[in-house]
C-alpha atoms as a PDB file:
ATOM      1  CA  VAL A   1      41.660  24.897  -9.236  1.00  0.00           C
ATOM      2  CA  SER A   2      38.430  27.028  -9.044  1.00  0.00           C
ATOM      3  CA  LEU A   3      35.379  25.609  -7.371  1.00  0.00           C
ATOM      4  CA  THR A   4      31.927  26.856  -7.825  1.00  0.00           C
ATOM      5  CA  ALA A   5      28.989  26.232  -5.696  1.00  0.00           C
ATOM      6  CA  ALA A   6      26.515  23.694  -6.971  1.00  0.00           C
ATOM      7  CA  PRO A   7      22.887  24.780  -7.281  1.00  0.00           C
ATOM      8  CA  LYS A   8      20.682  23.901  -4.307  1.00  0.00           C
ATOM      9  CA  ALA A   9      18.618  20.685  -4.910  1.00  0.00           C
ATOM     10  CA  ASP A  10      14.838  20.938  -4.777  1.00  0.00           C
ATOM     11  CA  SER A  11      13.922  18.466  -2.109  1.00  0.00           C
ATOM     12  CA  GLY A  12      10.524  18.017  -3.676  1.00  0.00           C
ATOM     13  CA  GLU A  13      12.198  16.466  -6.688  1.00  0.00           C
ATOM     14  CA  ARG A  14      14.108  14.011  -4.573  1.00  0.00           C
ATOM     15  CA  ARG A  15      12.828  10.477  -5.423  1.00  0.00           C
ATOM     16  CA  GLY A  16      12.462   7.510  -3.215  1.00  0.00           C
ATOM     17  CA  ARG A  17      10.168   5.058  -1.595  1.00  0.00           C
ATOM     18  CA  ALA A  18       8.148   6.014   1.497  1.00  0.00           C
ATOM     19  CA  TYR A  19       6.470   4.348   4.400  1.00  0.00           C
ATOM     20  CA  LEU A  20       3.101   5.923   5.221  1.00  0.00           C
ATOM     21  CA  ARG A  21       1.028   5.079   8.291  1.00  0.00           C
ATOM     22  CA  PHE A  22      -2.601   6.095   8.753  1.00  0.00           C
ATOM     23  CA  THR A  23      -4.928   5.592  11.636  1.00  0.00           C
ATOM     24  CA  VAL A  24      -8.348   5.636  10.087  1.00  0.00           C
ATOM     25  CA  ALA A  25     -12.055   5.060  10.878  1.00  0.00           C
ATOM     26  CA  ASP A  26     -13.159   1.464  10.421  1.00  0.00           C
ATOM     27  CA  ARG A  27     -15.681   2.056   7.580  1.00  0.00           C
ATOM     28  CA  VAL A  28     -16.357   1.217   3.981  1.00  0.00           C
ATOM     29  CA  GLY A  29     -14.442   3.335   1.399  1.00  0.00           C
ATOM     30  CA  VAL A  30     -11.541   4.483   3.534  1.00  0.00           C
ATOM     31  CA  LEU A  31      -8.945   2.532   1.563  1.00  0.00           C
ATOM     32  CA  ALA A  32     -10.509   3.789  -1.722  1.00  0.00           C
ATOM     33  CA  GLU A  33     -10.172   7.325  -0.457  1.00  0.00           C
ATOM     34  CA  ILE A  34      -6.477   6.906   0.369  1.00  0.00           C
ATOM     35  CA  ALA A  35      -5.740   5.036  -2.888  1.00  0.00           C
ATOM     36  CA  ALA A  36      -7.530   7.778  -4.917  1.00  0.00           C
ATOM     37  CA  ALA A  37      -5.425  10.504  -3.314  1.00  0.00           C
ATOM     38  CA  MET A  38      -2.293   8.469  -4.113  1.00  0.00           C
ATOM     39  CA  ARG A  39      -3.440   7.940  -7.697  1.00  0.00           C
ATOM     40  CA  ASP A  40      -4.316  11.562  -8.283  1.00  0.00           C
ATOM     41  CA  ALA A  41      -0.822  12.581  -7.077  1.00  0.00           C
ATOM     42  CA  GLY A  42       0.827   9.985  -9.315  1.00  0.00           C
ATOM     43  CA  VAL A  43       2.099   7.786  -6.369  1.00  0.00           C
ATOM     44  CA  SER A  44       2.037   4.069  -6.874  1.00  0.00           C
ATOM     45  CA  ILE A  45       1.420   1.725  -3.886  1.00  0.00           C
ATOM     46  CA  GLU A  46       3.965  -1.106  -3.610  1.00  0.00           C
ATOM     47  CA  SER A  47       2.329  -2.788  -0.565  1.00  0.00           C
ATOM     48  CA  LEU A  48      -0.453  -2.097   1.886  1.00  0.00           C
ATOM     49  CA  ILE A  49      -1.483  -3.754   5.145  1.00  0.00           C
ATOM     50  CA  GLN A  50      -4.575  -3.099   7.269  1.00  0.00           C
ATOM     51  CA  ARG A  51      -4.772  -4.293  10.831  1.00  0.00           C
ATOM     52  CA  GLY A  52      -8.053  -5.007  12.711  1.00  0.00           C
ATOM     53  CA  ALA A  53      -9.845  -2.404  14.678  1.00  0.00           C
ATOM     54  CA  ILE A  54      -8.455  -1.374  18.081  1.00  0.00           C
ATOM     55  CA  ALA A  55     -10.460  -0.362  21.184  1.00  0.00           C
ATOM     56  CA  ASP A  56     -11.518   3.082  19.868  1.00  0.00           C
ATOM     57  CA  GLY A  57     -12.748   1.572  16.606  1.00  0.00           C
ATOM     58  CA  SER A  58      -9.863   2.934  14.495  1.00  0.00           C
ATOM     59  CA  VAL A  59      -7.763   0.878  12.173  1.00  0.00           C
ATOM     60  CA  LEU A  60      -3.990   1.048  11.273  1.00  0.00           C
ATOM     61  CA  VAL A  61      -3.212   1.204   7.520  1.00  0.00           C
ATOM     62  CA  ALA A  62       0.487   0.947   6.485  1.00  0.00           C
ATOM     63  CA  ILE A  63       1.566   1.673   2.914  1.00  0.00           C
ATOM     64  CA  VAL A  64       5.018   1.371   1.205  1.00  0.00           C
ATOM     65  CA  THR A  65       5.128   3.370  -2.042  1.00  0.00           C
ATOM     66  CA  HIS A  66       7.079   2.689  -5.187  1.00  0.00           C
ATOM     67  CA  GLU A  67       9.798   5.268  -5.941  1.00  0.00           C
ATOM     68  CA  SER A  68       8.120   8.644  -6.365  1.00  0.00           C
ATOM     69  CA  PRO A  69       9.059  12.271  -6.079  1.00  0.00           C
ATOM     70  CA  GLU A  70       8.653  13.574  -2.536  1.00  0.00           C
ATOM     71  CA  ARG A  71       6.533  16.357  -3.852  1.00  0.00           C
ATOM     72  CA  SER A  72       3.951  13.822  -5.159  1.00  0.00           C
ATOM     73  CA  ILE A  73       3.825  12.031  -1.808  1.00  0.00           C
ATOM     74  CA  ALA A  74       3.281  15.419  -0.034  1.00  0.00           C
ATOM     75  CA  GLN A  75       0.468  16.187  -2.532  1.00  0.00           C
ATOM     76  CA  ALA A  76      -1.249  12.978  -1.742  1.00  0.00           C
ATOM     77  CA  LEU A  77      -1.063  13.630   2.011  1.00  0.00           C
ATOM     78  CA  GLU A  78      -2.198  17.190   1.512  1.00  0.00           C
ATOM     79  CA  LYS A  79      -5.288  15.941  -0.374  1.00  0.00           C
ATOM     80  CA  LEU A  80      -6.160  13.709   2.621  1.00  0.00           C
ATOM     81  CA  ARG A  81      -5.644  16.553   5.152  1.00  0.00           C
ATOM     82  CA  GLY A  82      -8.933  17.063   6.998  1.00  0.00           C
ATOM     83  CA  ALA A  83     -10.504  13.901   5.653  1.00  0.00           C
ATOM     84  CA  GLN A  84     -13.141  12.674   8.138  1.00  0.00           C
ATOM     85  CA  SER A  85     -11.888   9.124   7.641  1.00  0.00           C
ATOM     86  CA  LEU A  86      -8.489   9.965   9.167  1.00  0.00           C
ATOM     87  CA  VAL A  87      -8.033   9.742  12.916  1.00  0.00           C
ATOM     88  CA  GLY A  88      -5.016  11.940  13.592  1.00  0.00           C
ATOM     89  CA  GLN A  89      -2.211  12.900  11.225  1.00  0.00           C
ATOM     90  CA  PRO A  90      -0.521  10.488   8.898  1.00  0.00           C
ATOM     91  CA  MET A  91       3.093   9.461   9.473  1.00  0.00           C
ATOM     92  CA  TRP A  92       5.649   9.637   6.644  1.00  0.00           C
ATOM     93  CA  MET A  93       9.101   8.149   6.713  1.00  0.00           C
ATOM     94  CA  HIS A  94      11.631   7.991   3.860  1.00  0.00           C
ATOM     95  CA  ILE A  95      12.987   4.475   2.993  1.00  0.00           C
ATOM     96  CA  LEU A  96      16.678   4.612   2.371  1.00  0.00           C
ATOM     97  CA  ASP A  97      17.634   1.900  -0.045  1.00  0.00           C
END
């Protein structure tokens, strides 16, 4: 029996759901900015929760996405990089179904 090596998988094409957590400024339009970045990257939001402001005036926004290519999720986060509405870096976790 002769075995050949399988081609390496492109991790950007791996599909799955994701949990994204943002700490954002508590102001009008922040959710629209996040949703637009997700839309532009072709990532659909399955659920979203926003918690009230904490002592520094920031707000926690947690999103679960529908199944999407990892590359698309990365594109959405890249589009948000440096946005003045973000307080710190977003957190991204894969959801293993």
